[in-house]
Amino acid sequence: MKNNFPRIKNSSKLRRKMTEIAREFRKEPTKSEAILWQALRGKKLDGIKFRRQQPMRPFIVDFHNSVYRLVAEIDGSIHDSQFEADKNRQGALEELGLNVLRLRADFVEGEG
């Protein structure tokens, strides 16, 4: 199946740097990221494979499924003060043909 969305490409230098950063993020997940990862890892959600802390151009997304072109982002309290930046980031991801699902951290943690 061919789609008309742009390919996600980075220079090799940027790709290496983003991979390093993503690895560091994986080592120290937030509480809500750890909870959601336990629910998604190992194709636990209807056999769908997710990757966590996945580099996407100049961004690192929390969770990504390539088949459904789905990005799941967890928004903690810091996101209350960066609405415009999050809106721009989401727009850039959607221009790549990705579907972005934003989840509040308190919802993932069962507090919201």
C-alpha atoms as a PDB file:
ATOM      1  CA  MET A   1       0.000   0.000   0.000  1.00  0.00           C
ATOM      2  CA  LYS A   2       1.513   3.301  -1.115  1.00  0.00           C
ATOM      3  CA  ASN A   3       0.699   6.540   0.661  1.00  0.00           C
ATOM      4  CA  ASN A   4       1.434  10.131  -0.255  1.00  0.00           C
ATOM      5  CA  PHE A   5       2.958  11.150   3.072  1.00  0.00           C
ATOM      6  CA  PRO A   6       6.538  12.365   3.218  1.00  0.00           C
ATOM      7  CA  ARG A   7       9.136   9.907   4.450  1.00  0.00           C
ATOM      8  CA  ILE A   8      10.571  10.599   7.868  1.00  0.00           C
ATOM      9  CA  LYS A   9      14.258  11.202   7.168  1.00  0.00           C
ATOM     10  CA  ASN A  10      17.027  12.766   9.226  1.00  0.00           C
ATOM     11  CA  SER A  11      20.670  13.349   8.454  1.00  0.00           C
ATOM     12  CA  SER A  12      22.853  10.573   9.840  1.00  0.00           C
ATOM     13  CA  LYS A  13      24.345  12.952  12.424  1.00  0.00           C
ATOM     14  CA  LEU A  14      20.920  14.081  13.658  1.00  0.00           C
ATOM     15  CA  ARG A  15      19.636  10.485  13.612  1.00  0.00           C
ATOM     16  CA  ARG A  16      22.514   9.330  15.854  1.00  0.00           C
ATOM     17  CA  LYS A  17      21.961  12.217  18.281  1.00  0.00           C
ATOM     18  CA  MET A  18      18.201  11.632  18.434  1.00  0.00           C
ATOM     19  CA  THR A  19      18.764   7.906  19.026  1.00  0.00           C
ATOM     20  CA  GLU A  20      21.099   8.724  21.946  1.00  0.00           C
ATOM     21  CA  ILE A  21      18.538  11.059  23.481  1.00  0.00           C
ATOM     22  CA  ALA A  22      15.719   8.525  23.009  1.00  0.00           C
ATOM     23  CA  ARG A  23      17.808   5.854  24.767  1.00  0.00           C
ATOM     24  CA  GLU A  24      18.317   8.179  27.717  1.00  0.00           C
ATOM     25  CA  PHE A  25      14.571   8.890  27.872  1.00  0.00           C
ATOM     26  CA  ARG A  26      13.862   5.134  27.897  1.00  0.00           C
ATOM     27  CA  LYS A  27      16.164   4.670  30.887  1.00  0.00           C
ATOM     28  CA  GLU A  28      14.191   7.103  33.047  1.00  0.00           C
ATOM     29  CA  PRO A  29      10.510   7.100  32.058  1.00  0.00           C
ATOM     30  CA  THR A  30       7.975   9.203  33.888  1.00  0.00           C
ATOM     31  CA  LYS A  31       5.473   7.354  36.062  1.00  0.00           C
ATOM     32  CA  SER A  32       2.744   7.698  33.428  1.00  0.00           C
ATOM     33  CA  GLU A  33       5.070   6.553  30.609  1.00  0.00           C
ATOM     34  CA  ALA A  34       6.026   3.458  32.615  1.00  0.00           C
ATOM     35  CA  ILE A  35       2.353   2.640  33.283  1.00  0.00           C
ATOM     36  CA  LEU A  36       1.313   3.020  29.653  1.00  0.00           C
ATOM     37  CA  TRP A  37       4.355   1.110  28.406  1.00  0.00           C
ATOM     38  CA  GLN A  38       3.401  -1.871  30.593  1.00  0.00           C
ATOM     39  CA  ALA A  39      -0.014  -1.861  28.898  1.00  0.00           C
ATOM     40  CA  LEU A  40       1.397  -1.563  25.355  1.00  0.00           C
ATOM     41  CA  ARG A  41       4.653  -3.530  25.342  1.00  0.00           C
ATOM     42  CA  GLY A  42       4.878  -6.959  23.804  1.00  0.00           C
ATOM     43  CA  LYS A  43       1.855  -6.333  21.543  1.00  0.00           C
ATOM     44  CA  LYS A  44      -0.500  -6.509  24.541  1.00  0.00           C
ATOM     45  CA  LEU A  45      -2.988  -4.146  22.902  1.00  0.00           C
ATOM     46  CA  ASP A  46      -4.744  -6.312  20.289  1.00  0.00           C
ATOM     47  CA  GLY A  47      -1.418  -7.537  18.911  1.00  0.00           C
ATOM     48  CA  ILE A  48      -0.349  -4.017  17.901  1.00  0.00           C
ATOM     49  CA  LYS A  49       3.360  -3.264  18.147  1.00  0.00           C
ATOM     50  CA  PHE A  50       4.387   0.019  19.730  1.00  0.00           C
ATOM     51  CA  ARG A  51       7.809   1.554  20.111  1.00  0.00           C
ATOM     52  CA  ARG A  52       8.552   3.944  22.926  1.00  0.00           C
ATOM     53  CA  GLN A  53      10.604   7.116  22.813  1.00  0.00           C
ATOM     54  CA  GLN A  54      10.792   6.947  19.034  1.00  0.00           C
ATOM     55  CA  PRO A  55      12.732   9.627  17.107  1.00  0.00           C
ATOM     56  CA  MET A  56      10.588  11.372  14.461  1.00  0.00           C
ATOM     57  CA  ARG A  57      12.465  14.114  12.627  1.00  0.00           C
ATOM     58  CA  PRO A  58      13.507  16.673  15.260  1.00  0.00           C
ATOM     59  CA  PHE A  59      11.102  15.173  17.824  1.00  0.00           C
ATOM     60  CA  ILE A  60      11.054  12.146  20.072  1.00  0.00           C
ATOM     61  CA  VAL A  61       7.526  10.845  20.517  1.00  0.00           C
ATOM     62  CA  ASP A  62       6.449   8.890  23.585  1.00  0.00           C
ATOM     63  CA  PHE A  63       4.871   5.934  21.748  1.00  0.00           C
ATOM     64  CA  HIS A  64       4.577   5.086  18.056  1.00  0.00           C
ATOM     65  CA  ASN A  65       2.854   2.467  15.943  1.00  0.00           C
ATOM     66  CA  SER A  66       3.979   2.507  12.307  1.00  0.00           C
ATOM     67  CA  VAL A  67       1.128   0.397  10.883  1.00  0.00           C
ATOM     68  CA  TYR A  68      -1.589   2.781  12.046  1.00  0.00           C
ATOM     69  CA  ARG A  69       0.738   5.816  11.877  1.00  0.00           C
ATOM     70  CA  LEU A  70      -0.272   6.491  15.473  1.00  0.00           C
ATOM     71  CA  VAL A  71       1.629   8.588  17.990  1.00  0.00           C
ATOM     72  CA  ALA A  72       0.544   8.575  21.641  1.00  0.00           C
ATOM     73  CA  GLU A  73       1.847  11.463  23.700  1.00  0.00           C
ATOM     74  CA  ILE A  74       1.505  11.749  27.476  1.00  0.00           C
ATOM     75  CA  ASP A  75       1.054  15.302  28.733  1.00  0.00           C
ATOM     76  CA  GLY A  76       2.139  16.017  32.275  1.00  0.00           C
ATOM     77  CA  SER A  77       1.641  19.314  34.085  1.00  0.00           C
ATOM     78  CA  ILE A  78       4.511  20.970  32.159  1.00  0.00           C
ATOM     79  CA  HIS A  79       2.295  20.871  29.078  1.00  0.00           C
ATOM     80  CA  ASP A  80      -0.160  23.288  30.703  1.00  0.00           C
ATOM     81  CA  SER A  81       2.373  26.069  30.099  1.00  0.00           C
ATOM     82  CA  GLN A  82       3.501  25.079  26.592  1.00  0.00           C
ATOM     83  CA  PHE A  83       0.217  24.805  24.720  1.00  0.00           C
ATOM     84  CA  GLU A  84       1.460  26.665  21.627  1.00  0.00           C
ATOM     85  CA  ALA A  85       4.645  24.580  21.343  1.00  0.00           C
ATOM     86  CA  ASP A  86       2.629  21.352  21.683  1.00  0.00           C
ATOM     87  CA  LYS A  87       0.167  22.561  19.040  1.00  0.00           C
ATOM     88  CA  ASN A  88       3.026  23.300  16.611  1.00  0.00           C
ATOM     89  CA  ARG A  89       4.701  19.947  17.326  1.00  0.00           C
ATOM     90  CA  GLN A  90       1.429  18.089  16.781  1.00  0.00           C
ATOM     91  CA  GLY A  91       0.847  19.975  13.534  1.00  0.00           C
ATOM     92  CA  ALA A  92       4.304  18.993  12.264  1.00  0.00           C
ATOM     93  CA  LEU A  93       3.661  15.335  13.123  1.00  0.00           C
ATOM     94  CA  GLU A  94       0.256  15.422  11.435  1.00  0.00           C
ATOM     95  CA  GLU A  95       1.849  16.873   8.287  1.00  0.00           C
ATOM     96  CA  LEU A  96       3.840  13.631   8.162  1.00  0.00           C
ATOM     97  CA  GLY A  97       0.544  11.732   8.077  1.00  0.00           C
ATOM     98  CA  LEU A  98       0.694  10.699  11.723  1.00  0.00           C
ATOM     99  CA  ASN A  99      -2.362  10.524  13.963  1.00  0.00           C
ATOM    100  CA  VAL A 100      -1.592  12.056  17.344  1.00  0.00           C
ATOM    101  CA  LEU A 101      -3.369  10.955  20.506  1.00  0.00           C
ATOM    102  CA  ARG A 102      -2.683  13.129  23.555  1.00  0.00           C
ATOM    103  CA  LEU A 103      -3.284  11.627  27.004  1.00  0.00           C
ATOM    104  CA  ARG A 104      -3.111  13.496  30.296  1.00  0.00           C
ATOM    105  CA  ALA A 105      -0.636  11.969  32.732  1.00  0.00           C
ATOM    106  CA  ASP A 106      -3.186  12.025  35.561  1.00  0.00           C
ATOM    107  CA  PHE A 107      -5.598  10.043  33.356  1.00  0.00           C
ATOM    108  CA  VAL A 108      -2.940   7.384  32.622  1.00  0.00           C
ATOM    109  CA  GLU A 109      -2.093   7.206  36.323  1.00  0.00           C
ATOM    110  CA  GLY A 110      -5.774   6.737  37.188  1.00  0.00           C
ATOM    111  CA  GLU A 111      -6.074  10.068  38.985  1.00  0.00           C
ATOM    112  CA  GLY A 112      -8.082  12.008  36.426  1.00  0.00           C
END
